[in-house]
C-alpha atoms as a PDB file:
ATOM      1  CA  MET A   1      51.678 -32.454 -21.349  1.00  0.00           C
ATOM      2  CA  LYS A   2      54.779 -33.877 -22.991  1.00  0.00           C
ATOM      3  CA  VAL A   3      58.007 -34.814 -21.215  1.00  0.00           C
ATOM      4  CA  ILE A   4      60.894 -33.671 -23.409  1.00  0.00           C
ATOM      5  CA  ASN A   5      64.674 -33.769 -23.065  1.00  0.00           C
ATOM      6  CA  SER A   6      65.306 -30.374 -24.636  1.00  0.00           C
ATOM      7  CA  LEU A   7      62.898 -27.583 -23.797  1.00  0.00           C
ATOM      8  CA  LYS A   8      64.689 -25.079 -25.995  1.00  0.00           C
ATOM      9  CA  THR A   9      62.979 -26.480 -29.080  1.00  0.00           C
ATOM     10  CA  ALA A  10      59.638 -26.625 -27.244  1.00  0.00           C
ATOM     11  CA  LYS A  11      59.932 -22.974 -26.309  1.00  0.00           C
ATOM     12  CA  LEU A  12      60.541 -21.944 -29.924  1.00  0.00           C
ATOM     13  CA  ARG A  13      57.398 -23.643 -31.226  1.00  0.00           C
ATOM     14  CA  ASP A  14      55.173 -20.693 -30.380  1.00  0.00           C
ATOM     15  CA  LYS A  15      55.824 -17.084 -29.442  1.00  0.00           C
ATOM     16  CA  ASN A  16      53.547 -17.254 -26.379  1.00  0.00           C
ATOM     17  CA  CYS A  17      55.501 -20.078 -24.727  1.00  0.00           C
ATOM     18  CA  ARG A  18      57.103 -19.330 -21.344  1.00  0.00           C
ATOM     19  CA  LEU A  19      59.710 -21.261 -19.352  1.00  0.00           C
ATOM     20  CA  VAL A  20      58.772 -21.724 -15.689  1.00  0.00           C
ATOM     21  CA  ARG A  21      60.577 -23.520 -12.850  1.00  0.00           C
ATOM     22  CA  ARG A  22      58.346 -25.256 -10.324  1.00  0.00           C
ATOM     23  CA  ARG A  23      59.433 -27.738  -7.652  1.00  0.00           C
ATOM     24  CA  GLY A  24      62.729 -28.514  -9.380  1.00  0.00           C
ATOM     25  CA  ARG A  25      61.082 -29.193 -12.724  1.00  0.00           C
ATOM     26  CA  ILE A  26      61.168 -26.938 -15.752  1.00  0.00           C
ATOM     27  CA  TYR A  27      57.896 -26.355 -17.579  1.00  0.00           C
ATOM     28  CA  VAL A  28      56.897 -24.763 -20.846  1.00  0.00           C
ATOM     29  CA  ILE A  29      53.463 -23.216 -20.496  1.00  0.00           C
ATOM     30  CA  ASN A  30      51.346 -21.411 -23.040  1.00  0.00           C
ATOM     31  CA  LYS A  31      48.220 -19.553 -21.966  1.00  0.00           C
ATOM     32  CA  ARG A  32      46.949 -18.943 -25.486  1.00  0.00           C
ATOM     33  CA  ASN A  33      47.442 -22.473 -26.798  1.00  0.00           C
ATOM     34  CA  PRO A  34      47.621 -25.077 -23.991  1.00  0.00           C
ATOM     35  CA  ARG A  35      48.618 -27.922 -26.301  1.00  0.00           C
ATOM     36  CA  PHE A  36      52.215 -26.665 -26.219  1.00  0.00           C
ATOM     37  CA  LYS A  37      52.616 -27.641 -22.560  1.00  0.00           C
ATOM     38  CA  ALA A  38      55.781 -29.602 -21.803  1.00  0.00           C
ATOM     39  CA  ARG A  39      58.026 -30.441 -18.889  1.00  0.00           C
ATOM     40  CA  GLN A  40      61.568 -31.603 -18.222  1.00  0.00           C
ATOM     41  CA  GLY A  41      62.897 -33.423 -15.157  1.00  0.00           C
END
């Protein structure tokens, strides 16, 4: 899991990436390829 300032670029890395808000943090999750996980905040 990477902590990134801009999640817009992280979301565009793969077409299966999804933006999710959990507990005030924004996450990028990818079920198909978990190495694209990232969070902000």
